[in-house]
């Protein structure tokens, strides 16, 4: 089947999207979907055969990601906030595309996200918070999303390490045991849901005394929490033992709402919802 064209109006203008699906999911689709990017209309590409070479999409970055995965979307939000152009390649995890031998050459961990910076000799980097640090260190010339004070730099790292070790993995376990695991194990589900509440409590203890995690302003430390928190609030612990985010964690809720009001963060949250609805 040859390529066909379709307008996509609800995605972001500075992005080119590529969605990779397995053969079984392509029965009613053509092999590819594309249209030229314009200031108001991005390109949305569907392809069946992954390609990992230096892409010809003309964007500075390629972002390998997943439609529902929060870690990829937080990288997308920082790329957008810094005005960096990129193509998102969405893997189909059910087809284990993230374990493809060619992709493993880029990311031996076989997970998402991974970026390729075509403007820096095709520099490859994986692990979402390492990517955020790279982006602000190299491209945030005005230091809008980072800090310059030596002590605050370590505090920023502290929060990124907490997010990557204490938030993402535990929140992800709730998703695994409630959605994907073949056997329902109530004790595991309860344990990890309570861990989400514990993480919210850690954030509440700090945010009840200050508006942002570090530096008195929004930084990548704050943004790193936004996508997983949003998933937890609206899905993972929604309804769990009378969970009421605004009531139980008022300072954290206020902080989260301020993050959602940032255009780049709101953009990726909305894009994720729109793409999940379509797929």
C-alpha atoms as a PDB file:
ATOM      1  CA  UNK A   1       0.000   0.000   0.000  1.00  0.00           C
ATOM      2  CA  UNK A   2       1.257   3.445  -0.804  1.00  0.00           C
ATOM      3  CA  UNK A   3       1.324   6.412   1.527  1.00  0.00           C
ATOM      4  CA  UNK A   4      -1.836   8.354   2.187  1.00  0.00           C
ATOM      5  CA  UNK A   5      -2.504  11.759   3.715  1.00  0.00           C
ATOM      6  CA  UNK A   6      -4.697  12.901   6.545  1.00  0.00           C
ATOM      7  CA  UNK A   7      -4.983  16.164   8.403  1.00  0.00           C
ATOM      8  CA  UNK A   8      -4.296  16.102  12.126  1.00  0.00           C
ATOM      9  CA  UNK A   9      -5.442  19.251  13.835  1.00  0.00           C
ATOM     10  CA  UNK A  10      -5.049  18.605  17.542  1.00  0.00           C
ATOM     11  CA  UNK A  11      -1.295  18.068  17.807  1.00  0.00           C
ATOM     12  CA  UNK A  12       1.532  20.499  18.313  1.00  0.00           C
ATOM     13  CA  UNK A  13       2.967  22.545  15.413  1.00  0.00           C
ATOM     14  CA  UNK A  14       6.647  22.183  16.332  1.00  0.00           C
ATOM     15  CA  UNK A  15       6.526  18.412  16.429  1.00  0.00           C
ATOM     16  CA  UNK A  16       6.577  15.621  13.867  1.00  0.00           C
ATOM     17  CA  UNK A  17       4.969  12.428  15.107  1.00  0.00           C
ATOM     18  CA  UNK A  18       5.694   8.894  14.025  1.00  0.00           C
ATOM     19  CA  UNK A  19       3.647   6.032  15.411  1.00  0.00           C
ATOM     20  CA  UNK A  20       4.969   2.521  14.943  1.00  0.00           C
ATOM     21  CA  UNK A  21       2.520  -0.323  15.141  1.00  0.00           C
ATOM     22  CA  UNK A  22       2.692  -4.063  14.638  1.00  0.00           C
ATOM     23  CA  UNK A  23       1.406  -5.941  11.600  1.00  0.00           C
ATOM     24  CA  UNK A  24      -1.711  -7.073  13.445  1.00  0.00           C
ATOM     25  CA  UNK A  25      -2.669  -3.480  14.168  1.00  0.00           C
ATOM     26  CA  UNK A  26      -2.138  -2.342  10.590  1.00  0.00           C
ATOM     27  CA  UNK A  27      -4.869  -4.357   8.852  1.00  0.00           C
ATOM     28  CA  UNK A  28      -7.089  -1.340   8.305  1.00  0.00           C
ATOM     29  CA  UNK A  29      -4.310   1.202   7.816  1.00  0.00           C
ATOM     30  CA  UNK A  30      -1.934   2.136   5.070  1.00  0.00           C
ATOM     31  CA  UNK A  31       1.780   1.736   5.662  1.00  0.00           C
ATOM     32  CA  UNK A  32       2.380   5.401   6.265  1.00  0.00           C
ATOM     33  CA  UNK A  33       0.578   8.611   7.112  1.00  0.00           C
ATOM     34  CA  UNK A  34       2.209  11.944   6.441  1.00  0.00           C
ATOM     35  CA  UNK A  35       1.698  15.545   5.491  1.00  0.00           C
ATOM     36  CA  UNK A  36       4.046  18.495   5.333  1.00  0.00           C
ATOM     37  CA  UNK A  37       4.401  20.457   8.557  1.00  0.00           C
ATOM     38  CA  UNK A  38       3.023  23.974   8.582  1.00  0.00           C
ATOM     39  CA  UNK A  39       2.899  26.556  11.371  1.00  0.00           C
ATOM     40  CA  UNK A  40      -0.542  25.180  12.240  1.00  0.00           C
ATOM     41  CA  UNK A  41      -0.402  21.558  11.201  1.00  0.00           C
ATOM     42  CA  UNK A  42       2.285  18.996  12.143  1.00  0.00           C
ATOM     43  CA  UNK A  43       3.160  15.763  10.447  1.00  0.00           C
ATOM     44  CA  UNK A  44       1.773  12.545  11.877  1.00  0.00           C
ATOM     45  CA  UNK A  45       3.474   9.501  10.466  1.00  0.00           C
ATOM     46  CA  UNK A  46       2.526   5.856  10.770  1.00  0.00           C
ATOM     47  CA  UNK A  47       5.140   3.361   9.694  1.00  0.00           C
ATOM     48  CA  UNK A  48       5.441  -0.366  10.044  1.00  0.00           C
ATOM     49  CA  UNK A  49       9.211  -0.804   9.661  1.00  0.00           C
ATOM     50  CA  UNK A  50      11.332   0.945  12.292  1.00  0.00           C
ATOM     51  CA  UNK A  51      14.326   2.938  11.152  1.00  0.00           C
ATOM     52  CA  UNK A  52      17.006   4.133  13.545  1.00  0.00           C
ATOM     53  CA  UNK A  53      19.393   5.945  11.243  1.00  0.00           C
ATOM     54  CA  UNK A  54      19.874   9.692  11.082  1.00  0.00           C
ATOM     55  CA  UNK A  55      16.369  10.682  10.088  1.00  0.00           C
ATOM     56  CA  UNK A  56      15.578  13.116   7.308  1.00  0.00           C
ATOM     57  CA  UNK A  57      12.650  14.774   9.073  1.00  0.00           C
ATOM     58  CA  UNK A  58      14.588  18.020   9.431  1.00  0.00           C
ATOM     59  CA  UNK A  59      13.973  18.327  13.160  1.00  0.00           C
ATOM     60  CA  UNK A  60      16.827  18.699  15.610  1.00  0.00           C
ATOM     61  CA  UNK A  61      15.828  15.761  17.796  1.00  0.00           C
ATOM     62  CA  UNK A  62      14.306  12.338  17.459  1.00  0.00           C
ATOM     63  CA  UNK A  63      12.467  11.257  20.601  1.00  0.00           C
ATOM     64  CA  UNK A  64      11.744   7.544  20.971  1.00  0.00           C
ATOM     65  CA  UNK A  65       8.777   7.192  23.258  1.00  0.00           C
ATOM     66  CA  UNK A  66       5.385   5.576  23.894  1.00  0.00           C
ATOM     67  CA  UNK A  67       1.893   7.020  23.622  1.00  0.00           C
ATOM     68  CA  UNK A  68       0.921   6.403  27.242  1.00  0.00           C
ATOM     69  CA  UNK A  69       4.343   6.466  28.918  1.00  0.00           C
ATOM     70  CA  UNK A  70       4.710   9.508  31.231  1.00  0.00           C
ATOM     71  CA  UNK A  71       8.507   9.581  30.992  1.00  0.00           C
ATOM     72  CA  UNK A  72       8.542  10.322  27.290  1.00  0.00           C
ATOM     73  CA  UNK A  73       5.947  13.051  27.603  1.00  0.00           C
ATOM     74  CA  UNK A  74       7.899  14.924  30.270  1.00  0.00           C
ATOM     75  CA  UNK A  75      10.880  15.030  27.900  1.00  0.00           C
ATOM     76  CA  UNK A  76       8.562  16.321  25.180  1.00  0.00           C
ATOM     77  CA  UNK A  77       7.344  19.082  27.501  1.00  0.00           C
ATOM     78  CA  UNK A  78      10.882  20.363  28.125  1.00  0.00           C
ATOM     79  CA  UNK A  79      11.771  20.155  24.442  1.00  0.00           C
ATOM     80  CA  UNK A  80       8.693  22.239  23.709  1.00  0.00           C
ATOM     81  CA  UNK A  81       9.390  24.690  26.511  1.00  0.00           C
ATOM     82  CA  UNK A  82      12.873  25.309  25.153  1.00  0.00           C
ATOM     83  CA  UNK A  83      11.566  25.717  21.614  1.00  0.00           C
ATOM     84  CA  UNK A  84      13.470  22.707  20.286  1.00  0.00           C
ATOM     85  CA  UNK A  85      12.054  20.866  17.290  1.00  0.00           C
ATOM     86  CA  UNK A  86      11.686  17.110  17.391  1.00  0.00           C
ATOM     87  CA  UNK A  87      10.049  14.046  15.923  1.00  0.00           C
ATOM     88  CA  UNK A  88       8.406  11.608  18.308  1.00  0.00           C
ATOM     89  CA  UNK A  89       8.589   7.921  17.391  1.00  0.00           C
ATOM     90  CA  UNK A  90       5.989   5.969  19.365  1.00  0.00           C
ATOM     91  CA  UNK A  91       6.737   2.312  19.977  1.00  0.00           C
ATOM     92  CA  UNK A  92       4.172  -0.449  20.293  1.00  0.00           C
ATOM     93  CA  UNK A  93       5.167  -2.204  23.512  1.00  0.00           C
ATOM     94  CA  UNK A  94       2.813  -5.137  22.883  1.00  0.00           C
ATOM     95  CA  UNK A  95       4.907  -5.933  19.848  1.00  0.00           C
ATOM     96  CA  UNK A  96       8.089  -5.410  21.920  1.00  0.00           C
ATOM     97  CA  UNK A  97       9.365  -2.855  19.421  1.00  0.00           C
ATOM     98  CA  UNK A  98      11.454  -1.248  22.156  1.00  0.00           C
ATOM     99  CA  UNK A  99      13.441  -4.507  22.261  1.00  0.00           C
ATOM    100  CA  UNK A 100      14.303  -4.347  18.564  1.00  0.00           C
ATOM    101  CA  UNK A 101      17.997  -5.055  18.011  1.00  0.00           C
ATOM    102  CA  UNK A 102      18.543  -1.762  16.203  1.00  0.00           C
ATOM    103  CA  UNK A 103      16.928   0.234  18.985  1.00  0.00           C
ATOM    104  CA  UNK A 104      18.979  -1.631  21.586  1.00  0.00           C
ATOM    105  CA  UNK A 105      22.061  -0.199  19.908  1.00  0.00           C
ATOM    106  CA  UNK A 106      20.785   3.210  20.975  1.00  0.00           C
ATOM    107  CA  UNK A 107      19.393   2.181  24.349  1.00  0.00           C
ATOM    108  CA  UNK A 108      20.663  -1.130  25.725  1.00  0.00           C
ATOM    109  CA  UNK A 109      18.015  -0.934  28.453  1.00  0.00           C
ATOM    110  CA  UNK A 110      15.319  -1.354  25.822  1.00  0.00           C
ATOM    111  CA  UNK A 111      12.987   1.224  27.333  1.00  0.00           C
ATOM    112  CA  UNK A 112      11.852   4.755  26.640  1.00  0.00           C
ATOM    113  CA  UNK A 113      12.606   7.574  26.321  1.00  0.00           C
ATOM    114  CA  UNK A 114      15.709   7.971  24.217  1.00  0.00           C
ATOM    115  CA  UNK A 115      16.735  11.083  22.312  1.00  0.00           C
ATOM    116  CA  UNK A 116      19.038  11.539  19.361  1.00  0.00           C
ATOM    117  CA  UNK A 117      20.341  15.099  19.093  1.00  0.00           C
ATOM    118  CA  UNK A 118      20.995  15.498  15.386  1.00  0.00           C
ATOM    119  CA  UNK A 119      22.363  18.986  16.053  1.00  0.00           C
ATOM    120  CA  UNK A 120      25.113  17.505  18.205  1.00  0.00           C
ATOM    121  CA  UNK A 121      26.573  14.809  15.964  1.00  0.00           C
ATOM    122  CA  UNK A 122      23.637  12.451  16.579  1.00  0.00           C
ATOM    123  CA  UNK A 123      24.365  12.339  20.306  1.00  0.00           C
ATOM    124  CA  UNK A 124      22.254   9.621  21.952  1.00  0.00           C
ATOM    125  CA  UNK A 125      20.983   9.794  25.524  1.00  0.00           C
ATOM    126  CA  UNK A 126      18.478   7.753  27.503  1.00  0.00           C
ATOM    127  CA  UNK A 127      16.912   7.928  30.986  1.00  0.00           C
ATOM    128  CA  UNK A 128      14.406  10.759  31.161  1.00  0.00           C
ATOM    129  CA  UNK A 129      15.946  12.842  33.928  1.00  0.00           C
ATOM    130  CA  UNK A 130      19.413  12.579  32.392  1.00  0.00           C
ATOM    131  CA  UNK A 131      17.823  13.890  29.194  1.00  0.00           C
ATOM    132  CA  UNK A 132      16.240  16.814  31.066  1.00  0.00           C
ATOM    133  CA  UNK A 133      19.616  17.732  32.553  1.00  0.00           C
ATOM    134  CA  UNK A 134      21.271  17.565  29.145  1.00  0.00           C
ATOM    135  CA  UNK A 135      18.627  19.768  27.561  1.00  0.00           C
ATOM    136  CA  UNK A 136      18.888  22.537  30.137  1.00  0.00           C
ATOM    137  CA  UNK A 137      22.673  22.358  30.393  1.00  0.00           C
ATOM    138  CA  UNK A 138      23.117  22.642  26.645  1.00  0.00           C
ATOM    139  CA  UNK A 139      20.116  24.615  25.410  1.00  0.00           C
ATOM    140  CA  UNK A 140      18.643  26.620  28.289  1.00  0.00           C
ATOM    141  CA  UNK A 141      20.940  29.601  27.816  1.00  0.00           C
ATOM    142  CA  UNK A 142      18.800  31.835  30.023  1.00  0.00           C
ATOM    143  CA  UNK A 143      18.620  29.176  32.784  1.00  0.00           C
ATOM    144  CA  UNK A 144      14.849  29.447  32.885  1.00  0.00           C
ATOM    145  CA  UNK A 145      14.326  25.814  33.887  1.00  0.00           C
ATOM    146  CA  UNK A 146      17.416  25.267  35.980  1.00  0.00           C
ATOM    147  CA  UNK A 147      19.466  26.949  38.705  1.00  0.00           C
ATOM    148  CA  UNK A 148      22.955  28.419  38.945  1.00  0.00           C
ATOM    149  CA  UNK A 149      23.640  28.486  42.681  1.00  0.00           C
ATOM    150  CA  UNK A 150      25.924  25.590  43.641  1.00  0.00           C
ATOM    151  CA  UNK A 151      23.792  24.380  46.545  1.00  0.00           C
ATOM    152  CA  UNK A 152      20.606  24.655  44.532  1.00  0.00           C
ATOM    153  CA  UNK A 153      22.187  22.590  41.754  1.00  0.00           C
ATOM    154  CA  UNK A 154      22.549  19.703  44.178  1.00  0.00           C
ATOM    155  CA  UNK A 155      19.016  20.223  45.451  1.00  0.00           C
ATOM    156  CA  UNK A 156      17.774  20.038  41.886  1.00  0.00           C
ATOM    157  CA  UNK A 157      19.658  16.763  41.457  1.00  0.00           C
ATOM    158  CA  UNK A 158      18.192  15.563  44.744  1.00  0.00           C
ATOM    159  CA  UNK A 159      14.655  16.008  43.419  1.00  0.00           C
ATOM    160  CA  UNK A 160      15.439  14.444  40.059  1.00  0.00           C
ATOM    161  CA  UNK A 161      16.919  11.417  41.809  1.00  0.00           C
ATOM    162  CA  UNK A 162      13.869  11.180  44.055  1.00  0.00           C
ATOM    163  CA  UNK A 163      11.573  11.377  41.039  1.00  0.00           C
ATOM    164  CA  UNK A 164      13.463   8.711  39.118  1.00  0.00           C
ATOM    165  CA  UNK A 165      13.833   6.344  42.079  1.00  0.00           C
ATOM    166  CA  UNK A 166      10.887   7.127  44.345  1.00  0.00           C
ATOM    167  CA  UNK A 167       8.102   8.338  42.085  1.00  0.00           C
ATOM    168  CA  UNK A 168       8.303   6.806  38.604  1.00  0.00           C
ATOM    169  CA  UNK A 169       9.078   3.175  39.516  1.00  0.00           C
ATOM    170  CA  UNK A 170       6.477   2.920  42.278  1.00  0.00           C
ATOM    171  CA  UNK A 171       3.772   4.701  40.323  1.00  0.00           C
ATOM    172  CA  UNK A 172       4.622   2.396  37.435  1.00  0.00           C
ATOM    173  CA  UNK A 173       4.116  -0.659  39.637  1.00  0.00           C
ATOM    174  CA  UNK A 174       0.554   0.435  40.314  1.00  0.00           C
ATOM    175  CA  UNK A 175      -0.027   0.624  36.579  1.00  0.00           C
ATOM    176  CA  UNK A 176       1.549  -2.800  36.103  1.00  0.00           C
ATOM    177  CA  UNK A 177      -0.371  -4.626  38.822  1.00  0.00           C
ATOM    178  CA  UNK A 178      -3.719  -2.972  38.112  1.00  0.00           C
ATOM    179  CA  UNK A 179      -3.652  -3.011  34.301  1.00  0.00           C
ATOM    180  CA  UNK A 180      -1.097  -5.403  32.832  1.00  0.00           C
ATOM    181  CA  UNK A 181      -0.314  -8.188  35.300  1.00  0.00           C
ATOM    182  CA  UNK A 182      -2.260 -11.343  34.469  1.00  0.00           C
ATOM    183  CA  UNK A 183      -2.962 -12.153  38.117  1.00  0.00           C
ATOM    184  CA  UNK A 184      -4.590  -9.614  40.417  1.00  0.00           C
ATOM    185  CA  UNK A 185      -2.594  -9.410  43.650  1.00  0.00           C
ATOM    186  CA  UNK A 186      -4.486  -7.126  46.044  1.00  0.00           C
ATOM    187  CA  UNK A 187      -1.626  -6.821  48.530  1.00  0.00           C
ATOM    188  CA  UNK A 188       0.758  -5.615  45.824  1.00  0.00           C
ATOM    189  CA  UNK A 189      -1.778  -3.159  44.425  1.00  0.00           C
ATOM    190  CA  UNK A 190      -2.464  -1.754  47.881  1.00  0.00           C
ATOM    191  CA  UNK A 191       1.241  -1.499  48.723  1.00  0.00           C
ATOM    192  CA  UNK A 192       2.099   0.525  45.649  1.00  0.00           C
ATOM    193  CA  UNK A 193      -0.986   2.717  45.847  1.00  0.00           C
ATOM    194  CA  UNK A 194       0.002   3.581  49.401  1.00  0.00           C
ATOM    195  CA  UNK A 195       3.466   4.393  48.127  1.00  0.00           C
ATOM    196  CA  UNK A 196       1.915   6.933  45.757  1.00  0.00           C
ATOM    197  CA  UNK A 197       0.241   8.556  48.735  1.00  0.00           C
ATOM    198  CA  UNK A 198       3.542   8.499  50.627  1.00  0.00           C
ATOM    199  CA  UNK A 199       5.289  10.303  47.746  1.00  0.00           C
ATOM    200  CA  UNK A 200       2.515  12.892  47.712  1.00  0.00           C
ATOM    201  CA  UNK A 201       3.146  13.301  51.436  1.00  0.00           C
ATOM    202  CA  UNK A 202       6.840  13.958  50.872  1.00  0.00           C
ATOM    203  CA  UNK A 203       5.987  16.610  48.305  1.00  0.00           C
ATOM    204  CA  UNK A 204       3.347  18.108  50.596  1.00  0.00           C
ATOM    205  CA  UNK A 205       5.817  18.481  53.462  1.00  0.00           C
ATOM    206  CA  UNK A 206       8.029  20.651  51.250  1.00  0.00           C
ATOM    207  CA  UNK A 207       5.463  22.453  49.122  1.00  0.00           C
ATOM    208  CA  UNK A 208       3.471  23.540  52.160  1.00  0.00           C
ATOM    209  CA  UNK A 209       6.469  25.779  52.903  1.00  0.00           C
ATOM    210  CA  UNK A 210       7.462  26.929  49.406  1.00  0.00           C
ATOM    211  CA  UNK A 211       5.934  27.302  45.949  1.00  0.00           C
ATOM    212  CA  UNK A 212       8.471  25.293  43.957  1.00  0.00           C
ATOM    213  CA  UNK A 213      10.886  22.465  44.743  1.00  0.00           C
ATOM    214  CA  UNK A 214      14.098  24.429  44.273  1.00  0.00           C
ATOM    215  CA  UNK A 215      15.273  27.918  43.407  1.00  0.00           C
ATOM    216  CA  UNK A 216      11.990  29.701  44.034  1.00  0.00           C
ATOM    217  CA  UNK A 217      10.835  29.072  40.453  1.00  0.00           C
ATOM    218  CA  UNK A 218       9.677  26.291  38.196  1.00  0.00           C
ATOM    219  CA  UNK A 219      12.542  24.049  37.066  1.00  0.00           C
ATOM    220  CA  UNK A 220      12.973  20.647  35.489  1.00  0.00           C
ATOM    221  CA  UNK A 221      12.733  19.272  39.031  1.00  0.00           C
ATOM    222  CA  UNK A 222       9.070  20.281  39.155  1.00  0.00           C
ATOM    223  CA  UNK A 223       8.309  19.338  35.557  1.00  0.00           C
ATOM    224  CA  UNK A 224       9.808  15.888  36.065  1.00  0.00           C
ATOM    225  CA  UNK A 225       6.937  14.998  38.416  1.00  0.00           C
ATOM    226  CA  UNK A 226       4.056  16.398  36.380  1.00  0.00           C
ATOM    227  CA  UNK A 227       3.156  13.592  33.981  1.00  0.00           C
ATOM    228  CA  UNK A 228       3.338  10.726  36.497  1.00  0.00           C
ATOM    229  CA  UNK A 229       1.454  12.770  39.091  1.00  0.00           C
ATOM    230  CA  UNK A 230      -1.259  13.527  36.577  1.00  0.00           C
ATOM    231  CA  UNK A 231      -1.656   9.848  35.762  1.00  0.00           C
ATOM    232  CA  UNK A 232      -1.792   8.948  39.456  1.00  0.00           C
ATOM    233  CA  UNK A 233      -4.347  11.612  40.360  1.00  0.00           C
ATOM    234  CA  UNK A 234      -6.717  10.799  37.531  1.00  0.00           C
ATOM    235  CA  UNK A 235      -6.239   7.066  37.329  1.00  0.00           C
ATOM    236  CA  UNK A 236      -3.851   5.141  39.547  1.00  0.00           C
ATOM    237  CA  UNK A 237      -5.225   6.183  42.956  1.00  0.00           C
ATOM    238  CA  UNK A 238      -8.501   7.765  41.874  1.00  0.00           C
ATOM    239  CA  UNK A 239     -11.113   6.544  44.327  1.00  0.00           C
ATOM    240  CA  UNK A 240      -8.587   4.695  46.497  1.00  0.00           C
ATOM    241  CA  UNK A 241      -9.858   4.819  50.074  1.00  0.00           C
ATOM    242  CA  UNK A 242     -11.606   8.133  49.487  1.00  0.00           C
ATOM    243  CA  UNK A 243      -8.561   9.772  47.916  1.00  0.00           C
ATOM    244  CA  UNK A 244      -9.131  13.521  47.497  1.00  0.00           C
ATOM    245  CA  UNK A 245      -6.069  15.220  46.095  1.00  0.00           C
ATOM    246  CA  UNK A 246      -7.151  18.802  46.775  1.00  0.00           C
ATOM    247  CA  UNK A 247      -8.185  18.001  50.333  1.00  0.00           C
ATOM    248  CA  UNK A 248      -5.504  15.500  51.315  1.00  0.00           C
ATOM    249  CA  UNK A 249      -2.526  17.294  49.739  1.00  0.00           C
ATOM    250  CA  UNK A 250      -3.594  20.936  49.199  1.00  0.00           C
ATOM    251  CA  UNK A 251      -0.128  22.428  48.651  1.00  0.00           C
ATOM    252  CA  UNK A 252       0.846  19.655  46.242  1.00  0.00           C
ATOM    253  CA  UNK A 253      -2.448  20.055  44.401  1.00  0.00           C
ATOM    254  CA  UNK A 254      -1.882  23.809  44.041  1.00  0.00           C
ATOM    255  CA  UNK A 255       1.642  23.171  42.738  1.00  0.00           C
ATOM    256  CA  UNK A 256       0.406  20.539  40.304  1.00  0.00           C
ATOM    257  CA  UNK A 257      -2.272  22.883  38.974  1.00  0.00           C
ATOM    258  CA  UNK A 258       0.363  25.564  38.398  1.00  0.00           C
ATOM    259  CA  UNK A 259       2.415  23.042  36.435  1.00  0.00           C
ATOM    260  CA  UNK A 260      -0.604  22.136  34.310  1.00  0.00           C
ATOM    261  CA  UNK A 261      -1.047  25.819  33.515  1.00  0.00           C
ATOM    262  CA  UNK A 262       2.399  25.964  31.870  1.00  0.00           C
ATOM    263  CA  UNK A 263       1.644  25.816  28.127  1.00  0.00           C
ATOM    264  CA  UNK A 264       4.243  23.171  27.313  1.00  0.00           C
ATOM    265  CA  UNK A 265       3.090  20.898  30.134  1.00  0.00           C
ATOM    266  CA  UNK A 266      -0.583  21.360  29.279  1.00  0.00           C
ATOM    267  CA  UNK A 267       0.267  20.705  25.654  1.00  0.00           C
ATOM    268  CA  UNK A 268       1.790  17.271  26.238  1.00  0.00           C
ATOM    269  CA  UNK A 269      -0.951  16.261  28.686  1.00  0.00           C
ATOM    270  CA  UNK A 270      -3.557  17.164  26.061  1.00  0.00           C
ATOM    271  CA  UNK A 271      -1.617  15.468  23.249  1.00  0.00           C
ATOM    272  CA  UNK A 272      -1.327  12.260  25.259  1.00  0.00           C
ATOM    273  CA  UNK A 273      -5.063  12.239  25.969  1.00  0.00           C
ATOM    274  CA  UNK A 274      -5.902  12.898  22.314  1.00  0.00           C
ATOM    275  CA  UNK A 275      -3.618  10.145  21.039  1.00  0.00           C
ATOM    276  CA  UNK A 276      -4.860   7.602  23.588  1.00  0.00           C
ATOM    277  CA  UNK A 277      -8.406   8.352  22.510  1.00  0.00           C
ATOM    278  CA  UNK A 278      -7.480   7.667  18.888  1.00  0.00           C
ATOM    279  CA  UNK A 279      -5.540   4.487  19.587  1.00  0.00           C
END
